Amino acid sequence: MTLVTEPRHGDDQAPATAETLLTRAEASAFLKGKGIRMKPTTLARAYSTGSGGPPCRHIRNKPFYPLDLLDLWAQSQITTPVASSSERQRLRREARREAAS
């Protein structure tokens, strides 16, 4: 689903914006392409429990995932290559310290 806001006829000063919104099934397929396997039911559970899933918008009662935010969230889930679990933990601690300051 794509929502597009275009300038009205004769109103050339208003910029055109487009936001691509994905359903849960489409978001699941998009994430799978990024190497993150989350079924639509897992996305629903992450939203309902607030357990750190991707952000979504609602149109009436139906959730949609903005493609740009979904892509940013997916990138934030993928770490740099590490050689051990202790190195990964160290990098996570450093990232938390940076975020706190």
Protein backbone atom coordinates (compact mmCIF):
# COMPACT_ATOMS: atom_id res chain seq x y z
CA MET A 1 0.00 0.00 0.00
CA THR A 2 1.37 3.41 -0.90
CA LEU A 3 -0.01 6.64 0.44
CA VAL A 4 0.93 9.59 -1.72
CA THR A 5 0.34 13.24 -0.97
CA GLU A 6 0.67 15.37 -4.06
CA PRO A 7 0.37 19.14 -4.42
CA ARG A 8 -3.08 20.36 -5.40
CA HIS A 9 -3.53 21.68 -8.92
CA GLY A 10 -1.84 25.07 -9.13
CA ASP A 11 -0.05 24.67 -5.77
CA ASP A 12 3.52 23.99 -6.91
CA GLN A 13 5.09 24.91 -3.57
CA ALA A 14 3.82 21.94 -1.56
CA PRO A 15 6.30 19.04 -1.83
CA ALA A 16 5.07 15.61 -2.87
CA THR A 17 5.73 12.87 -0.33
CA ALA A 18 5.22 9.15 -0.58
CA GLU A 19 5.14 6.63 2.21
CA THR A 20 5.05 2.95 1.43
CA LEU A 21 3.11 1.00 4.04
CA LEU A 22 3.41 -2.78 4.28
CA THR A 23 0.95 -5.24 5.79
CA ARG A 24 2.25 -7.70 8.39
CA ALA A 25 2.64 -10.39 5.73
CA GLU A 26 4.54 -7.99 3.44
CA ALA A 27 6.69 -6.77 6.35
CA SER A 28 7.50 -10.36 7.23
CA ALA A 29 8.61 -11.05 3.64
CA PHE A 30 10.66 -7.83 3.58
CA LEU A 31 12.44 -8.74 6.82
CA LYS A 32 13.11 -12.26 5.52
CA GLY A 33 14.94 -10.65 2.60
CA LYS A 34 17.12 -8.85 5.16
CA GLY A 35 17.88 -12.10 6.98
CA ILE A 36 15.43 -11.52 9.85
CA ARG A 37 12.80 -14.23 10.06
CA MET A 38 9.66 -12.98 11.77
CA LYS A 39 6.30 -14.46 10.90
CA PRO A 40 3.30 -12.12 10.78
CA THR A 41 2.09 -13.65 14.06
CA THR A 42 5.47 -12.88 15.66
CA LEU A 43 5.20 -9.26 14.48
CA ALA A 44 1.72 -9.10 16.03
CA ARG A 45 3.00 -10.54 19.32
CA ALA A 46 5.96 -8.12 19.39
CA TYR A 47 3.55 -5.21 18.94
CA SER A 48 1.03 -6.36 21.53
CA THR A 49 3.66 -7.13 24.19
CA GLY A 50 5.90 -4.14 23.43
CA SER A 51 8.90 -6.43 23.13
CA GLY A 52 10.99 -4.38 20.73
CA GLY A 53 9.45 -5.16 17.37
CA PRO A 54 9.44 -2.76 14.44
CA PRO A 55 7.28 0.38 14.65
CA CYS A 56 3.95 0.40 12.84
CA ARG A 57 1.05 2.73 12.08
CA HIS A 58 -2.62 1.87 12.23
CA ILE A 59 -5.28 2.77 9.71
CA ARG A 60 -8.48 2.11 11.57
CA ASN A 61 -7.67 -1.19 13.29
CA LYS A 62 -5.24 -2.56 10.70
CA PRO A 63 -1.48 -2.26 11.29
CA PHE A 64 0.87 -1.12 8.53
CA TYR A 65 4.65 -0.92 8.66
CA PRO A 66 6.28 2.14 7.02
CA LEU A 67 8.98 0.77 4.73
CA ASP A 68 11.60 3.35 5.72
CA LEU A 69 11.13 2.69 9.45
CA LEU A 70 11.06 -1.06 8.90
CA ASP A 71 14.35 -0.87 7.01
CA LEU A 72 15.96 1.23 9.78
CA TRP A 73 14.72 -1.21 12.42
CA ALA A 74 16.07 -4.18 10.45
CA GLN A 75 19.48 -2.50 10.13
CA SER A 76 19.55 -1.89 13.88
CA GLN A 77 19.01 -5.61 14.53
CA ILE A 78 22.05 -6.74 12.54
CA THR A 79 25.38 -6.56 14.34
CA THR A 80 28.87 -6.24 12.98
CA PRO A 81 30.81 -9.50 12.64
CA VAL A 82 32.30 -10.70 15.94
CA ALA A 83 34.58 -13.59 16.82
CA SER A 84 33.08 -14.49 20.21
CA SER A 85 30.08 -13.95 22.47
CA SER A 86 32.20 -11.93 24.89
CA GLU A 87 33.14 -9.53 22.09
CA ARG A 88 29.45 -9.17 21.20
CA GLN A 89 28.57 -8.42 24.83
CA ARG A 90 31.35 -5.82 25.01
CA LEU A 91 30.06 -4.09 21.87
CA ARG A 92 26.50 -4.08 23.26
CA ARG A 93 27.70 -2.50 26.53
CA GLU A 94 29.60 0.17 24.62
CA ALA A 95 26.56 0.92 22.44
CA ARG A 96 24.35 1.27 25.55
CA ARG A 97 26.88 3.64 27.14
CA GLU A 98 26.95 5.78 23.99
CA ALA A 99 23.15 5.88 23.84
CA ALA A 100 22.94 6.91 27.51
CA SER A 101 25.32 9.87 27.07
